[in-house]
Amino acid sequence: MFLRGVWRSGRVGAELACCAGRGGRTEMLQGSFKWQRLRKIYAHNISGLQNSADGAESGVSSPSMFTATISQMVTEIIGPKEAGLKKPTIPEGKTRHLCDVYNSLSTEDKATFLRVVSQQFGTDHDEVLKAAEGLPQAKEKSEGALLKAEERLQAALVPRYHDLFVQIGRLEGGVKHLVDMRADTLDLLSSVKDSAELRSFSSCLREMLSHWFSAGLLHLQRITWESSCDILQKISEYEAVHPMRNWSDLKRRVGPYRRCFIFTHSTMPREPMVVLHTALTNQISDNIQTIVSTPILDEEDVDNINTAIFYSITSTQKGLQGVELGNYLIKRVVRELQAEFPKMTQFSSLSPIPGFRDWLVGEINKVLGSTESSSSEDSGVDGPSSTAPTLLTSAELQKVAEIAGKEDVSPLVTLKKLLQTNQWMGAESMVEVLKDPLMRLCARYLYLEKRRGYAVNPVANFHLRNGAVLWRLNWQADTGPRGISQSCGVMVNYRYFLGDTMRNSQRYMEEQHIEASQQVIDLAQAAGGADSPAGKSNL
């Protein structure tokens, strides 16, 4: 398996030639030697597969040789463990060769590479314990001795692959390589049940990327129809919230009454890190159709613009997951728009609610499971004998059954099928019946459902962390297939009151308090449940 894609496509010669052109004859010879060794490993691997019909290992353990070679190549870059704080001077060619090798691997072999590095070049726990044990004795000697001991402990706590990240980051294109490597790590973590080493590897890399991609090092750029074609193409391809169908869609979203801003980084100059689409209006929008389907206008009436609607924000690099970018982009864009439109006073999102329908189907399943276990026909329906949380009232469930023509089937089973197939959207009477319960339950989902004290919905968590207010739920705000499947067509406005964002963010992060409008609070309370808080909005 190792390097099969490279050898089959005949790219090895090209890679070696490229190495020679970059580093001269000496680096070419070093690289050739390394590639020759890897080629032998690959040949042994293929030979072993061909000669072992029964699956037994052949004479040479190819996986072991592959692992040993990875270990040796990394060691040559960061130095042996015994070197301690003395870091060797590393020829750039060795680090670049390692990156070339990694890029040539199959997905499975990349997984092996990441496992080897995360397991063999992590933190030395024995060294950490040894350094920690020396602290009390150093404290008794002098302040200087204690500082030295603390320095040794700090050094012991840094995993050895941290030095590898540093060396790769110094290469041209190295930061992008690390971003892609972390994306591969996240993919691998999603497929394995438990890997503490990989999680630590990913966390260490995320921390380094957080420093490199801090707000002060990001460049804000407005995208217009006159921007370069490659950037426009990427904007279209990366759009994940409201996909673009054609170039007319793209032209509309960067044209009059619209703004598109991106963050770029000096190490990835023509690669958008995060993209924010904004609509310029005179009121807070309550549906996405009026934004993405409005005919293209020739020019803007500045006097008719006082509101900015953030209707799509997309992080384009999976490897930067967990690195704060979107919140900084919104804050920078607010300042840009205030400078351009002095009369602008309202800032709000128009956000999707991914996961709401799936959550609701899960709640229905819980009630149905409770019904089966208790053999009670009225579970999930209001009444003194109901022990499960109320989803719909008995009158609402009865209307659902009547309109669906399935009065001989459990109304909750009928509702679940309607939601999963989106068939409820085909009848106006059903849409009207489900409006109140779905709005109630959506408020409950956003306002009351928590994970570790914070909003369970990721979009809600993002805006609330930024200091926004859970301001308004909008019925039938996204009637496209994606909107119906994700959130039953409901969208939400998270409103940014600029004078309160810092306080709101602090209360959310420290007290898990969600600032919400009276509409949201009333709907959440109507949804019922013992955890439903009473009270009035501060707005």
Protein backbone atom coordinates (compact mmCIF):
# COMPACT_ATOMS: atom_id res chain seq x y z
CA MET A 1 0.00 0.00 0.00
CA PHE A 2 2.80 2.40 0.88
CA LEU A 3 3.34 5.04 -1.82
CA ARG A 4 1.34 3.01 -4.32
CA GLY A 5 -0.22 6.13 -5.78
CA VAL A 6 3.22 7.64 -6.46
CA TRP A 7 4.79 4.58 -8.02
CA ARG A 8 1.80 3.71 -10.18
CA SER A 9 1.55 7.22 -11.58
CA GLY A 10 5.27 7.41 -12.32
CA ARG A 11 5.77 10.56 -10.26
CA VAL A 12 8.88 9.42 -8.40
CA GLY A 13 11.31 10.65 -11.03
CA ALA A 14 9.58 14.02 -11.15
CA GLU A 15 9.72 14.34 -7.37
CA LEU A 16 13.45 13.58 -7.31
CA ALA A 17 14.11 16.06 -10.12
CA CYS A 18 12.17 18.69 -8.23
CA CYS A 19 14.21 18.01 -5.09
CA ALA A 20 17.44 18.33 -7.07
CA GLY A 21 16.36 21.65 -8.55
CA ARG A 22 15.57 23.08 -5.15
CA GLY A 23 18.48 21.93 -3.06
CA GLY A 24 21.44 21.26 -5.35
CA ARG A 25 23.45 18.09 -5.83
CA THR A 26 24.00 17.34 -2.12
CA GLU A 27 20.32 17.51 -1.19
CA MET A 28 19.45 15.61 -4.37
CA LEU A 29 21.70 12.75 -3.29
CA GLN A 30 20.30 12.77 0.24
CA GLY A 31 16.78 12.84 -1.13
CA SER A 32 17.52 10.13 -3.69
CA PHE A 33 18.89 7.88 -0.97
CA LYS A 34 15.77 8.41 1.13
CA TRP A 35 13.47 7.81 -1.82
CA GLN A 36 15.41 4.69 -2.80
CA ARG A 37 14.95 3.34 0.70
CA LEU A 38 11.24 4.09 0.61
CA ARG A 39 11.01 2.45 -2.80
CA LYS A 40 12.58 -0.72 -1.38
CA ILE A 41 10.01 -0.71 1.40
CA TYR A 42 7.26 -0.39 -1.18
CA ALA A 43 8.72 -3.22 -3.27
CA HIS A 44 8.92 -5.47 -0.18
CA ASN A 45 5.33 -4.61 0.64
CA ILE A 46 4.05 -5.55 -2.81
CA SER A 47 6.19 -8.68 -2.82
CA GLY A 48 4.83 -9.68 0.56
CA LEU A 49 1.27 -9.27 -0.61
CA GLN A 50 1.91 -11.31 -3.75
CA ASN A 51 3.76 -14.12 -1.97
CA SER A 52 1.45 -14.50 1.03
CA ALA A 53 -1.85 -15.84 -0.22
CA ASP A 54 -2.74 -17.03 3.24
CA GLY A 55 -2.14 -13.57 4.77
CA ALA A 56 1.02 -14.63 6.65
CA GLU A 57 3.88 -12.16 6.85
CA SER A 58 6.63 -12.43 4.29
CA GLY A 59 10.33 -12.44 5.09
CA VAL A 60 10.43 -8.63 5.46
CA SER A 61 8.06 -6.77 7.72
CA SER A 62 7.15 -3.86 5.43
CA PRO A 63 4.96 -2.05 7.95
CA SER A 64 7.78 -2.19 10.48
CA MET A 65 10.26 -0.83 7.95
CA PHE A 66 7.80 1.90 7.01
CA THR A 67 7.41 2.85 10.67
CA ALA A 68 11.16 2.78 11.24
CA THR A 69 11.78 5.00 8.22
CA ILE A 70 9.22 7.55 9.36
CA SER A 71 10.82 7.56 12.79
CA GLN A 72 14.30 8.03 11.34
CA MET A 73 13.25 10.86 9.02
CA VAL A 74 11.54 12.75 11.85
CA THR A 75 14.50 12.17 14.19
CA GLU A 76 16.89 13.61 11.61
CA ILE A 77 14.80 16.79 11.65
CA ILE A 78 14.15 17.31 15.36
CA GLY A 79 17.18 15.50 16.76
CA PRO A 80 17.37 12.49 19.09
CA LYS A 81 15.66 12.55 22.46
CA GLU A 82 19.04 12.71 24.19
CA ALA A 83 19.76 16.10 22.63
CA GLY A 84 17.41 17.75 25.15
CA LEU A 85 17.28 21.53 24.78
CA LYS A 86 20.13 21.55 22.26
CA LYS A 87 18.36 21.66 18.90
CA PRO A 88 20.34 20.62 15.83
CA THR A 89 20.75 22.85 12.79
CA ILE A 90 18.43 21.32 10.20
CA PRO A 91 18.97 21.57 6.43
CA GLU A 92 15.72 22.76 4.90
CA GLY A 93 15.88 19.98 2.32
CA LYS A 94 15.27 17.23 4.90
CA THR A 95 12.10 18.87 6.15
CA ARG A 96 10.88 19.47 2.63
CA HIS A 97 11.59 15.84 1.69
CA LEU A 98 9.48 14.71 4.64
CA CYS A 99 6.59 16.92 3.48
CA ASP A 100 6.92 15.56 -0.06
CA VAL A 101 6.80 12.00 1.26
CA TYR A 102 3.73 12.75 3.38
CA ASN A 103 1.89 14.37 0.47
CA SER A 104 2.55 11.29 -1.65
CA LEU A 105 0.99 8.85 0.80
CA SER A 106 -2.40 7.25 0.48
CA THR A 107 -5.04 8.06 3.09
CA GLU A 108 -4.30 4.82 4.94
CA ASP A 109 -0.55 5.44 4.95
CA LYS A 110 -1.04 9.02 6.13
CA ALA A 111 -2.98 7.58 9.06
CA THR A 112 0.00 5.33 9.85
CA PHE A 113 2.36 8.31 9.58
CA LEU A 114 0.26 10.38 12.01
CA ARG A 115 0.01 7.52 14.48
CA VAL A 116 3.77 6.95 14.44
CA VAL A 117 4.61 10.61 14.98
CA SER A 118 1.95 11.15 17.67
CA GLN A 119 2.97 8.03 19.60
CA GLN A 120 6.76 8.11 19.27
CA PHE A 121 7.40 11.85 19.42
CA GLY A 122 5.00 13.05 22.08
CA THR A 123 5.71 14.13 25.65
CA ASP A 124 8.20 12.01 27.58
CA HIS A 125 6.24 11.32 30.78
CA ASP A 126 9.30 10.05 32.65
CA GLU A 127 11.13 13.30 31.90
CA VAL A 128 8.13 15.31 33.11
CA LEU A 129 8.02 13.40 36.40
CA LYS A 130 11.77 13.73 36.85
CA ALA A 131 11.64 17.48 36.23
CA ALA A 132 8.67 17.89 38.58
CA GLU A 133 10.39 15.98 41.37
CA GLY A 134 13.28 18.43 41.24
CA LEU A 135 11.11 21.48 41.97
CA PRO A 136 10.96 21.21 45.80
CA GLN A 137 14.73 20.83 46.08
CA ALA A 138 15.34 23.72 43.69
CA LYS A 139 12.95 25.93 45.67
CA GLU A 140 15.00 25.38 48.81
CA LYS A 141 18.23 26.44 47.05
CA SER A 142 17.44 29.78 45.44
CA GLU A 143 15.08 31.70 43.19
CA GLY A 144 17.44 31.17 40.28
CA ALA A 145 17.55 27.42 40.81
CA LEU A 146 13.76 27.31 40.95
CA LEU A 147 13.43 29.24 37.69
CA LYS A 148 15.89 26.84 36.03
CA ALA A 149 13.93 23.84 37.32
CA GLU A 150 10.70 25.33 36.04
CA GLU A 151 12.31 25.92 32.67
CA ARG A 152 13.31 22.25 32.52
CA LEU A 153 9.76 21.22 33.44
CA GLN A 154 8.27 23.47 30.78
CA ALA A 155 10.63 22.02 28.19
CA ALA A 156 9.74 18.47 29.26
CA LEU A 157 6.03 19.20 28.85
CA VAL A 158 6.46 20.23 25.20
CA PRO A 159 5.98 17.21 22.90
CA ARG A 160 8.85 16.54 20.54
CA TYR A 161 6.66 16.85 17.44
CA HIS A 162 6.25 20.54 18.37
CA ASP A 163 9.76 21.05 16.94
CA LEU A 164 8.70 19.24 13.77
CA PHE A 165 5.78 21.66 13.38
CA VAL A 166 8.16 24.60 13.81
CA GLN A 167 10.52 23.29 11.13
CA ILE A 168 7.68 22.64 8.68
CA GLY A 169 6.17 26.07 9.38
CA ARG A 170 9.40 27.72 8.24
CA LEU A 171 9.10 26.27 4.75
CA GLU A 172 7.41 28.08 1.90
CA GLY A 173 3.95 26.53 1.89
CA GLY A 174 4.72 24.87 5.21
CA VAL A 175 1.86 26.46 7.15
CA LYS A 176 -0.61 25.27 4.53
CA HIS A 177 0.92 21.80 4.86
CA LEU A 178 0.30 21.86 8.61
CA VAL A 179 -3.28 23.02 8.10
CA ASP A 180 -3.87 20.09 5.75
CA MET A 181 -2.10 17.70 8.13
CA ARG A 182 -4.42 18.73 10.94
CA ALA A 183 -7.41 18.18 8.66
CA ASP A 184 -6.12 14.64 8.06
CA THR A 185 -5.72 14.20 11.82
CA LEU A 186 -9.31 15.31 12.47
CA ASP A 187 -10.55 12.87 9.82
CA LEU A 188 -8.59 10.10 11.50
CA LEU A 189 -9.90 11.03 14.94
CA SER A 190 -13.47 10.83 13.66
CA SER A 191 -12.91 7.21 12.66
CA VAL A 192 -11.17 5.92 15.79
CA LYS A 193 -12.80 5.43 19.17
CA ASP A 194 -9.99 6.36 21.51
CA SER A 195 -6.62 7.86 20.77
CA ALA A 196 -5.21 10.14 23.46
CA GLU A 197 -1.96 10.55 21.51
CA LEU A 198 -3.73 11.73 18.36
CA ARG A 199 -5.91 14.13 20.33
CA SER A 200 -2.84 15.66 21.97
CA PHE A 201 -1.15 15.85 18.57
CA SER A 202 -4.15 17.68 17.14
CA SER A 203 -4.40 20.03 20.14
CA CYS A 204 -0.72 20.96 19.95
CA LEU A 205 -1.03 21.72 16.26
CA ARG A 206 -4.21 23.73 16.84
CA GLU A 207 -2.46 25.86 19.45
CA MET A 208 0.38 26.64 17.05
CA LEU A 209 -2.05 27.49 14.25
CA SER A 210 -4.01 29.73 16.65
CA HIS A 211 -0.89 31.83 17.15
CA TRP A 212 -0.06 31.96 13.46
CA PHE A 213 -3.63 32.86 12.54
CA SER A 214 -4.27 35.44 15.27
CA ALA A 215 -6.45 38.41 14.33
CA GLY A 216 -3.53 40.82 13.92
CA LEU A 217 -1.94 38.62 11.25
CA LEU A 218 -5.08 38.25 9.12
CA HIS A 219 -5.83 40.48 6.15
CA LEU A 220 -9.40 41.66 5.54
CA GLN A 221 -10.36 41.77 1.89
CA ARG A 222 -13.63 42.74 0.22
CA ILE A 223 -14.60 40.59 -2.76
CA THR A 224 -16.35 42.22 -5.70
CA TRP A 225 -17.23 41.17 -9.23
CA GLU A 226 -13.91 42.72 -10.28
CA SER A 227 -11.89 40.44 -7.98
CA SER A 228 -9.67 37.79 -9.56
CA CYS A 229 -11.38 34.80 -11.12
CA ASP A 230 -9.62 32.24 -8.94
CA ILE A 231 -10.78 33.97 -5.74
CA LEU A 232 -14.35 34.24 -7.06
CA GLN A 233 -14.28 30.57 -8.00
CA LYS A 234 -13.16 29.61 -4.50
CA ILE A 235 -15.86 31.81 -2.94
CA SER A 236 -18.45 29.94 -4.98
CA GLU A 237 -17.01 26.49 -4.21
CA TYR A 238 -16.57 27.10 -0.48
CA GLU A 239 -20.10 28.42 0.14
CA ALA A 240 -21.63 25.84 2.47
CA VAL A 241 -24.65 27.60 3.97
CA HIS A 242 -26.54 28.68 0.83
CA PRO A 243 -24.84 27.01 -2.17
CA MET A 244 -24.57 28.99 -5.38
CA ARG A 245 -26.12 27.51 -8.50
CA ASN A 246 -24.34 29.57 -11.14
CA TRP A 247 -22.29 32.67 -11.85
CA SER A 248 -25.42 34.84 -11.68
CA ASP A 249 -25.86 33.80 -8.05
CA LEU A 250 -22.25 34.72 -7.35
CA LYS A 251 -22.58 38.08 -9.11
CA ARG A 252 -25.66 38.88 -7.04
CA ARG A 253 -23.88 38.08 -3.77
CA VAL A 254 -20.93 40.39 -4.46
CA GLY A 255 -22.96 43.13 -6.16
CA PRO A 256 -25.01 46.15 -4.99
CA TYR A 257 -26.64 45.88 -1.55
CA ARG A 258 -24.33 42.98 -0.80
CA ARG A 259 -20.90 42.68 0.73
CA CYS A 260 -18.57 39.70 0.73
CA PHE A 261 -15.50 39.81 2.97
CA ILE A 262 -12.76 37.27 3.50
CA PHE A 263 -9.77 36.81 5.76
CA THR A 264 -6.50 35.82 4.09
CA HIS A 265 -3.09 35.07 5.60
CA SER A 266 0.37 35.95 4.33
CA THR A 267 1.35 32.29 4.19
CA MET A 268 -1.76 31.45 2.11
CA PRO A 269 -2.32 34.73 0.21
CA ARG A 270 -4.85 33.56 -2.38
CA GLU A 271 -6.71 31.18 -0.11
CA PRO A 272 -9.77 32.50 1.81
CA MET A 273 -9.65 31.39 5.46
CA VAL A 274 -13.22 32.38 6.27
CA VAL A 275 -15.93 34.01 4.14
CA LEU A 276 -18.71 36.31 5.36
CA HIS A 277 -21.69 37.27 3.16
CA THR A 278 -23.68 40.33 4.22
CA ALA A 279 -26.90 41.89 2.93
CA LEU A 280 -27.45 45.66 3.23
CA THR A 281 -31.09 46.46 3.99
CA ASN A 282 -33.37 48.88 5.85
CA GLN A 283 -34.79 46.27 8.25
CA ILE A 284 -33.87 42.97 9.87
CA SER A 285 -34.66 40.28 7.31
CA ASP A 286 -36.95 37.39 8.26
CA ASN A 287 -36.38 35.02 5.32
CA ILE A 288 -33.47 34.02 3.13
CA GLN A 289 -35.39 33.98 -0.15
CA THR A 290 -35.50 37.79 -0.29
CA ILE A 291 -31.72 37.89 0.10
CA VAL A 292 -30.41 35.20 -2.24
CA SER A 293 -33.10 35.55 -4.93
CA THR A 294 -33.40 39.34 -5.22
CA PRO A 295 -32.80 40.58 -8.79
CA ILE A 296 -29.46 42.27 -9.36
CA LEU A 297 -29.74 46.05 -8.94
CA ASP A 298 -27.58 48.63 -10.68
CA GLU A 299 -26.64 50.87 -7.77
CA GLU A 300 -27.18 51.37 -4.05
CA ASP A 301 -29.27 54.02 -2.35
CA VAL A 302 -27.05 54.81 0.62
CA ASP A 303 -29.86 56.66 2.41
CA ASN A 304 -31.95 53.46 2.36
CA ILE A 305 -29.32 51.33 4.15
CA ASN A 306 -29.26 51.15 7.94
CA THR A 307 -29.03 47.40 8.60
CA ALA A 308 -26.42 44.70 7.96
CA ILE A 309 -27.59 41.09 7.79
CA PHE A 310 -24.89 38.43 8.15
CA TYR A 311 -26.53 35.56 6.29
CA SER A 312 -23.62 33.21 5.63
CA ILE A 313 -20.28 32.63 7.29
CA THR A 314 -18.09 29.75 6.15
CA SER A 315 -14.77 28.50 7.49
CA THR A 316 -12.98 27.04 4.48
CA GLN A 317 -10.12 25.13 6.10
CA LYS A 318 -11.01 22.05 8.13
CA GLY A 319 -7.53 22.07 9.62
CA LEU A 320 -8.35 25.40 11.32
CA GLN A 321 -11.31 23.93 13.18
CA GLY A 322 -11.26 25.31 16.72
CA VAL A 323 -9.21 28.36 15.70
CA GLU A 324 -11.20 31.56 16.30
CA LEU A 325 -11.62 33.31 12.94
CA GLY A 326 -15.31 33.96 12.30
CA ASN A 327 -15.89 36.13 15.36
CA TYR A 328 -12.93 38.36 14.47
CA LEU A 329 -14.19 38.66 10.90
CA ILE A 330 -17.65 39.81 12.04
CA LYS A 331 -16.12 42.46 14.33
CA ARG A 332 -13.84 43.76 11.57
CA VAL A 333 -16.70 43.85 9.07
CA VAL A 334 -18.89 45.80 11.51
CA ARG A 335 -16.20 48.49 11.71
CA GLU A 336 -15.82 48.55 7.93
CA LEU A 337 -19.57 48.95 7.37
CA GLN A 338 -19.90 51.64 10.02
CA ALA A 339 -17.20 53.63 8.25
CA GLU A 340 -18.88 53.17 4.88
CA PHE A 341 -22.46 53.73 6.10
CA PRO A 342 -22.57 56.19 9.02
CA LYS A 343 -26.37 55.73 9.35
CA MET A 344 -26.05 51.97 9.90
CA THR A 345 -27.36 51.11 13.37
CA GLN A 346 -28.60 47.50 13.18
CA PHE A 347 -26.48 44.38 12.90
CA SER A 348 -27.99 40.91 12.86
CA SER A 349 -27.50 37.46 11.46
CA LEU A 350 -30.08 35.43 9.59
CA SER A 351 -28.92 31.98 10.57
CA PRO A 352 -29.87 28.40 9.79
CA ILE A 353 -30.58 25.99 12.62
CA PRO A 354 -28.77 22.78 11.59
CA GLY A 355 -29.73 19.82 13.71
CA PHE A 356 -33.14 21.01 14.85
CA ARG A 357 -35.14 18.45 12.87
CA ASP A 358 -32.83 15.60 13.87
CA TRP A 359 -33.11 16.65 17.51
CA LEU A 360 -36.91 16.75 17.24
CA VAL A 361 -37.06 13.31 15.66
CA GLY A 362 -34.88 12.08 18.52
CA GLU A 363 -37.29 13.57 21.06
CA ILE A 364 -40.21 11.86 19.32
CA ASN A 365 -38.32 8.56 19.50
CA LYS A 366 -37.83 9.08 23.25
CA VAL A 367 -41.56 9.60 23.73
CA LEU A 368 -42.40 6.60 21.57
CA GLY A 369 -39.93 4.51 23.56
CA SER A 370 -41.55 5.70 26.77
CA THR A 371 -44.94 4.77 25.34
CA GLU A 372 -43.79 1.24 24.55
CA SER A 373 -42.21 0.72 27.96
CA SER A 374 -45.20 1.99 29.89
CA SER A 375 -47.90 0.74 27.48
CA SER A 376 -49.54 4.13 27.87
CA GLU A 377 -51.33 5.50 24.83
CA ASP A 378 -51.20 9.12 25.95
CA SER A 379 -47.43 9.51 26.51
CA GLY A 380 -46.15 12.66 24.79
CA VAL A 381 -49.58 14.22 24.97
CA ASP A 382 -50.57 16.74 27.61
CA GLY A 383 -52.48 15.26 30.50
CA PRO A 384 -51.99 14.10 34.07
CA SER A 385 -50.75 10.65 33.08
CA SER A 386 -48.01 11.90 30.74
CA THR A 387 -44.54 11.49 32.19
CA ALA A 388 -42.53 12.38 29.06
CA PRO A 389 -41.88 16.00 28.03
CA THR A 390 -44.81 17.45 26.10
CA LEU A 391 -44.08 17.88 22.40
CA LEU A 392 -47.52 18.58 20.93
CA THR A 393 -50.86 19.04 22.63
CA SER A 394 -53.54 16.39 22.17
CA ALA A 395 -55.53 18.78 19.96
CA GLU A 396 -52.50 19.41 17.71
CA LEU A 397 -51.76 15.68 17.41
CA GLN A 398 -55.38 14.97 16.54
CA LYS A 399 -55.32 17.56 13.76
CA VAL A 400 -52.09 16.08 12.40
CA ALA A 401 -53.70 12.63 12.26
CA GLU A 402 -56.87 13.99 10.59
CA ILE A 403 -55.05 15.94 7.88
CA ALA A 404 -52.68 13.03 7.20
CA GLY A 405 -55.61 10.60 7.03
CA LYS A 406 -53.86 8.22 9.46
CA GLU A 407 -56.16 8.26 12.44
CA ASP A 408 -55.60 4.53 13.02
CA VAL A 409 -51.84 5.10 13.55
CA SER A 410 -50.10 6.80 16.48
CA PRO A 411 -50.07 10.54 15.74
CA LEU A 412 -46.45 10.79 16.83
CA VAL A 413 -45.45 8.05 14.37
CA THR A 414 -47.29 9.94 11.65
CA LEU A 415 -45.59 13.21 12.63
CA LYS A 416 -42.18 11.58 12.65
CA LYS A 417 -42.65 10.24 9.12
CA LEU A 418 -43.93 13.61 7.88
CA LEU A 419 -40.89 15.36 9.29
CA GLN A 420 -38.38 12.85 7.97
CA THR A 421 -39.82 12.93 4.44
CA ASN A 422 -40.70 16.65 4.36
CA GLN A 423 -44.19 15.65 3.20
CA TRP A 424 -45.82 18.05 5.66
CA MET A 425 -44.75 20.95 3.44
CA GLY A 426 -47.04 19.68 0.67
CA ALA A 427 -50.29 20.65 2.45
CA GLU A 428 -51.01 24.21 3.56
CA SER A 429 -53.33 22.99 6.31
CA MET A 430 -50.55 20.81 7.77
CA VAL A 431 -48.08 23.71 7.60
CA GLU A 432 -50.53 25.87 9.54
CA VAL A 433 -51.16 23.19 12.19
CA LEU A 434 -47.45 22.60 12.77
CA LYS A 435 -46.44 26.27 12.91
CA ASP A 436 -47.06 26.83 16.64
CA PRO A 437 -45.60 23.53 17.93
CA LEU A 438 -42.52 23.71 15.71
CA MET A 439 -41.83 27.31 16.73
CA ARG A 440 -42.21 26.36 20.41
CA LEU A 441 -39.95 23.35 20.10
CA CYS A 442 -37.35 25.29 18.11
CA ALA A 443 -37.19 27.89 20.90
CA ARG A 444 -36.74 25.08 23.40
CA TYR A 445 -33.96 23.59 21.28
CA LEU A 446 -32.03 26.86 21.00
CA TYR A 447 -32.71 28.33 24.43
CA LEU A 448 -32.94 25.35 26.76
CA GLU A 449 -31.04 22.43 25.24
CA LYS A 450 -27.44 22.51 26.49
CA ARG A 451 -24.22 20.57 26.25
CA ARG A 452 -21.84 21.16 29.14
CA GLY A 453 -23.86 24.24 30.00
CA TYR A 454 -23.67 25.86 26.56
CA ALA A 455 -26.12 25.89 23.66
CA VAL A 456 -26.20 22.52 21.95
CA ASN A 457 -26.66 24.08 18.51
CA PRO A 458 -23.22 24.99 17.06
CA VAL A 459 -24.42 28.09 15.20
CA ALA A 460 -26.18 29.38 18.33
CA ASN A 461 -23.05 28.72 20.39
CA PHE A 462 -20.93 30.66 17.89
CA HIS A 463 -23.07 33.80 17.92
CA LEU A 464 -23.75 33.69 21.66
CA ARG A 465 -20.02 33.43 22.35
CA ASN A 466 -19.63 36.56 20.23
CA GLY A 467 -22.12 38.42 22.43
CA ALA A 468 -25.18 38.32 20.19
CA VAL A 469 -28.78 38.09 21.42
CA LEU A 470 -31.11 35.21 20.52
CA TRP A 471 -33.55 37.71 19.07
CA ARG A 472 -36.20 36.29 16.75
CA LEU A 473 -37.40 32.99 15.28
CA ASN A 474 -38.74 33.23 11.72
CA TRP A 475 -41.31 30.79 10.35
CA GLN A 476 -40.92 29.53 6.76
CA ALA A 477 -37.72 31.53 6.46
CA ASP A 478 -35.91 28.93 4.35
CA THR A 479 -38.25 26.82 2.25
CA GLY A 480 -35.50 25.21 0.19
CA PRO A 481 -34.81 21.46 0.55
CA ARG A 482 -31.80 22.06 2.81
CA GLY A 483 -33.69 24.46 5.08
CA ILE A 484 -36.65 22.12 5.47
CA SER A 485 -34.44 19.10 6.12
CA GLN A 486 -32.26 20.89 8.67
CA SER A 487 -34.70 23.04 10.61
CA CYS A 488 -38.23 22.59 9.23
CA GLY A 489 -37.79 25.91 7.43
CA VAL A 490 -37.23 27.94 10.62
CA MET A 491 -34.37 30.47 10.77
CA VAL A 492 -33.20 32.70 13.59
CA ASN A 493 -31.85 36.22 13.95
CA TYR A 494 -28.93 36.65 16.34
CA ARG A 495 -28.81 40.38 16.88
CA TYR A 496 -25.66 42.30 17.77
CA PHE A 497 -26.27 45.26 20.07
CA LEU A 498 -22.78 46.69 19.88
CA GLY A 499 -22.82 48.29 23.31
CA ASP A 500 -23.74 44.99 24.98
CA THR A 501 -21.78 42.36 23.07
CA MET A 502 -18.85 42.23 25.50
CA ARG A 503 -21.10 41.88 28.53
CA ASN A 504 -23.31 39.29 26.82
CA SER A 505 -20.29 37.25 25.74
CA GLN A 506 -18.79 37.31 29.23
CA ARG A 507 -22.06 36.23 30.87
CA TYR A 508 -22.49 33.40 28.37
CA MET A 509 -18.94 32.13 28.78
CA GLU A 510 -18.80 32.44 32.57
CA GLU A 511 -22.42 31.89 33.65
CA GLN A 512 -23.86 30.05 30.59
CA HIS A 513 -26.51 32.78 30.44
CA ILE A 514 -28.28 33.21 27.09
CA GLU A 515 -29.57 36.72 26.43
CA ALA A 516 -32.84 36.30 24.53
CA SER A 517 -35.82 38.37 23.39
CA GLN A 518 -39.26 38.07 24.95
CA GLN A 519 -40.52 36.22 21.86
CA VAL A 520 -37.97 33.45 22.34
CA ILE A 521 -38.49 33.24 26.09
CA ASP A 522 -42.27 33.03 25.73
CA LEU A 523 -42.01 30.30 23.10
CA ALA A 524 -39.54 28.30 25.20
CA GLN A 525 -41.77 28.52 28.25
CA ALA A 526 -44.75 27.42 26.17
CA ALA A 527 -42.76 24.35 25.11
CA GLY A 528 -42.90 23.19 28.76
CA GLY A 529 -40.41 21.15 30.70
CA ALA A 530 -39.14 21.44 34.24
CA ASP A 531 -36.02 23.30 33.09
CA SER A 532 -37.93 26.09 31.40
CA PRO A 533 -36.91 29.33 33.13
CA ALA A 534 -39.43 32.03 33.90
CA GLY A 535 -38.64 35.69 33.54
CA LYS A 536 -38.60 38.72 31.32
CA SER A 537 -36.16 39.69 28.63
CA ASN A 538 -33.76 42.54 29.33
CA LEU A 539 -34.27 43.89 25.82
